[in-house]
Every structure is written in C-alpha cells, then in structure tokens.
C-alpha cells in the first residue's frame, strides 16, 4: 500500500538540478576514498603474502629439524647405552 502511493506521486519539479549534484568536491572526495581503499588493499595483500611466506619457511625449518633428529637417531652406530661408548654426544662434557 505504501509503495503504491510512492509510485504514483510525481517528482518535485521545482528543484534545481544544479543544487542537488555532488559537484566537484563530491567527485574529489570519492576519488580520494577510492585511492585510499586501493592502497589499503595493496597493503593487506602484501601482509598476507608475508605471513604465508613466513609460515612456509617455518614449516620447512621444522621439517629439516625433524629430519635431522630422525637422521641422528637412526644413523648413529650406537645409542647412548652402547658398550663401546660410541653413543657419546659431540660437544658433551667429555669432549
């Protein structure tokens, strides 16, 4: 019912079209807002890329560390309880 009344009312013809346009300042402010949004998006993409890169590097370092620990455990000729003393850790108190 309300929408039917709005559709049937004619627009006001006594309004000057030059007074209701945004003008130069409206376009300048809109342009500045667009520039600000683009710069914020570029910065956000850069930060997301940096976070993803750091996560990849961290995962690679953890994988290398885990492989190194497995290599030391599996590749050692004797464990810490080896009778010939070959299980002594390098850099330990006896070095």
C-alpha atoms as a PDB file:
ATOM      1  CA  UNK A   1       0.000   0.000   0.000  1.00  0.00           C
ATOM      2  CA  UNK A   2       2.774   2.437   0.962  1.00  0.00           C
ATOM      3  CA  UNK A   3       4.791   1.612  -2.149  1.00  0.00           C
ATOM      4  CA  UNK A   4       1.792   2.207  -4.394  1.00  0.00           C
ATOM      5  CA  UNK A   5       1.444   5.746  -3.007  1.00  0.00           C
ATOM      6  CA  UNK A   6       5.138   6.429  -3.570  1.00  0.00           C
ATOM      7  CA  UNK A   7       4.999   5.246  -7.172  1.00  0.00           C
ATOM      8  CA  UNK A   8       2.033   7.448  -8.064  1.00  0.00           C
ATOM      9  CA  UNK A   9       3.419  10.711  -6.665  1.00  0.00           C
ATOM     10  CA  UNK A  10       5.148  12.799  -9.335  1.00  0.00           C
ATOM     11  CA  UNK A  11       8.670  14.052  -8.604  1.00  0.00           C
ATOM     12  CA  UNK A  12       9.015  17.639  -7.454  1.00  0.00           C
ATOM     13  CA  UNK A  13       9.709  19.829 -10.448  1.00  0.00           C
ATOM     14  CA  UNK A  14      10.692  22.951  -8.536  1.00  0.00           C
ATOM     15  CA  UNK A  15      14.141  21.565  -7.531  1.00  0.00           C
ATOM     16  CA  UNK A  16      17.128  22.996  -9.380  1.00  0.00           C
ATOM     17  CA  UNK A  17      19.237  20.148 -10.811  1.00  0.00           C
ATOM     18  CA  UNK A  18      22.497  22.058 -10.205  1.00  0.00           C
ATOM     19  CA  UNK A  19      21.889  22.249  -6.462  1.00  0.00           C
ATOM     20  CA  UNK A  20      21.447  18.518  -5.880  1.00  0.00           C
ATOM     21  CA  UNK A  21      24.503  17.194  -7.750  1.00  0.00           C
ATOM     22  CA  UNK A  22      27.590  16.224  -5.768  1.00  0.00           C
ATOM     23  CA  UNK A  23      29.704  18.759  -7.609  1.00  0.00           C
ATOM     24  CA  UNK A  24      33.478  18.847  -7.861  1.00  0.00           C
ATOM     25  CA  UNK A  25      34.015  18.252  -4.140  1.00  0.00           C
ATOM     26  CA  UNK A  26      31.890  15.137  -4.227  1.00  0.00           C
ATOM     27  CA  UNK A  27      33.958  13.678  -7.039  1.00  0.00           C
ATOM     28  CA  UNK A  28      37.254  14.661  -5.362  1.00  0.00           C
ATOM     29  CA  UNK A  29      36.245  13.044  -2.078  1.00  0.00           C
ATOM     30  CA  UNK A  30      35.014   9.922  -3.900  1.00  0.00           C
ATOM     31  CA  UNK A  31      38.310   9.711  -5.820  1.00  0.00           C
ATOM     32  CA  UNK A  32      40.349  10.081  -2.610  1.00  0.00           C
ATOM     33  CA  UNK A  33      38.298   7.354  -0.940  1.00  0.00           C
ATOM     34  CA  UNK A  34      38.914   5.037  -3.906  1.00  0.00           C
ATOM     35  CA  UNK A  35      42.659   5.732  -3.754  1.00  0.00           C
ATOM     36  CA  UNK A  36      42.693   5.045  -0.003  1.00  0.00           C
ATOM     37  CA  UNK A  37      40.808   1.761  -0.435  1.00  0.00           C
ATOM     38  CA  UNK A  38      43.169   0.611  -3.206  1.00  0.00           C
ATOM     39  CA  UNK A  39      46.220   1.415  -1.052  1.00  0.00           C
ATOM     40  CA  UNK A  40      44.721  -0.456   1.908  1.00  0.00           C
ATOM     41  CA  UNK A  41      44.009  -3.492  -0.291  1.00  0.00           C
ATOM     42  CA  UNK A  42      47.572  -3.467  -1.659  1.00  0.00           C
ATOM     43  CA  UNK A  43      48.963  -3.303   1.887  1.00  0.00           C
ATOM     44  CA  UNK A  44      46.675  -6.120   3.037  1.00  0.00           C
ATOM     45  CA  UNK A  45      47.750  -8.354   0.138  1.00  0.00           C
ATOM     46  CA  UNK A  46      51.408  -7.641   0.940  1.00  0.00           C
ATOM     47  CA  UNK A  47      50.914  -8.540   4.602  1.00  0.00           C
ATOM     48  CA  UNK A  48      49.016 -11.744   3.787  1.00  0.00           C
ATOM     49  CA  UNK A  49      51.755 -12.751   1.348  1.00  0.00           C
ATOM     50  CA  UNK A  50      54.411 -12.090   4.009  1.00  0.00           C
ATOM     51  CA  UNK A  51      52.541 -14.176   6.601  1.00  0.00           C
ATOM     52  CA  UNK A  52      52.153 -17.062   4.128  1.00  0.00           C
ATOM     53  CA  UNK A  53      55.852 -16.901   3.217  1.00  0.00           C
ATOM     54  CA  UNK A  54      56.889 -16.957   6.870  1.00  0.00           C
ATOM     55  CA  UNK A  55      54.617 -19.941   7.509  1.00  0.00           C
ATOM     56  CA  UNK A  56      56.200 -21.812   4.582  1.00  0.00           C
ATOM     57  CA  UNK A  57      59.713 -21.071   5.845  1.00  0.00           C
ATOM     58  CA  UNK A  58      58.749 -22.130   9.367  1.00  0.00           C
ATOM     59  CA  UNK A  59      57.298 -25.409   8.047  1.00  0.00           C
ATOM     60  CA  UNK A  60      60.460 -26.085   6.019  1.00  0.00           C
ATOM     61  CA  UNK A  61      62.673 -25.421   9.045  1.00  0.00           C
ATOM     62  CA  UNK A  62      60.578 -27.712  11.225  1.00  0.00           C
ATOM     63  CA  UNK A  63      60.719 -30.436   8.552  1.00  0.00           C
ATOM     64  CA  UNK A  64      64.508 -30.092   8.313  1.00  0.00           C
ATOM     65  CA  UNK A  65      64.832 -30.196  12.089  1.00  0.00           C
ATOM     66  CA  UNK A  66      62.628 -33.291  12.307  1.00  0.00           C
ATOM     67  CA  UNK A  67      64.598 -34.983   9.514  1.00  0.00           C
ATOM     68  CA  UNK A  68      67.849 -34.112  11.271  1.00  0.00           C
ATOM     69  CA  UNK A  69      66.635 -35.579  14.542  1.00  0.00           C
ATOM     70  CA  UNK A  70      65.459 -38.758  12.804  1.00  0.00           C
ATOM     71  CA  UNK A  71      68.775 -38.996  10.975  1.00  0.00           C
ATOM     72  CA  UNK A  72      70.724 -38.701  14.220  1.00  0.00           C
ATOM     73  CA  UNK A  73      68.549 -41.286  15.942  1.00  0.00           C
ATOM     74  CA  UNK A  74      68.556 -43.799  13.067  1.00  0.00           C
ATOM     75  CA  UNK A  75      72.040 -43.135  11.687  1.00  0.00           C
ATOM     76  CA  UNK A  76      74.001 -43.375  14.935  1.00  0.00           C
ATOM     77  CA  UNK A  77      76.034 -46.611  15.161  1.00  0.00           C
ATOM     78  CA  UNK A  78      75.275 -46.991  18.833  1.00  0.00           C
ATOM     79  CA  UNK A  79      72.782 -45.489  21.170  1.00  0.00           C
ATOM     80  CA  UNK A  80      73.659 -43.720  24.392  1.00  0.00           C
ATOM     81  CA  UNK A  81      73.950 -47.117  26.096  1.00  0.00           C
ATOM     82  CA  UNK A  82      76.388 -48.585  23.556  1.00  0.00           C
ATOM     83  CA  UNK A  83      79.167 -50.612  25.244  1.00  0.00           C
ATOM     84  CA  UNK A  84      81.948 -49.099  23.133  1.00  0.00           C
ATOM     85  CA  UNK A  85      80.987 -45.552  24.137  1.00  0.00           C
ATOM     86  CA  UNK A  86      80.140 -44.508  20.589  1.00  0.00           C
ATOM     87  CA  UNK A  87      76.864 -43.058  21.770  1.00  0.00           C
ATOM     88  CA  UNK A  88      78.551 -40.115  23.462  1.00  0.00           C
ATOM     89  CA  UNK A  89      77.147 -36.850  22.207  1.00  0.00           C
ATOM     90  CA  UNK A  90      79.528 -34.467  20.469  1.00  0.00           C
ATOM     91  CA  UNK A  91      80.118 -31.347  22.467  1.00  0.00           C
ATOM     92  CA  UNK A  92      79.133 -33.078  25.680  1.00  0.00           C
ATOM     93  CA  UNK A  93      81.019 -32.921  28.964  1.00  0.00           C
ATOM     94  CA  UNK A  94      83.609 -35.491  27.813  1.00  0.00           C
ATOM     95  CA  UNK A  95      84.590 -33.520  24.660  1.00  0.00           C
END
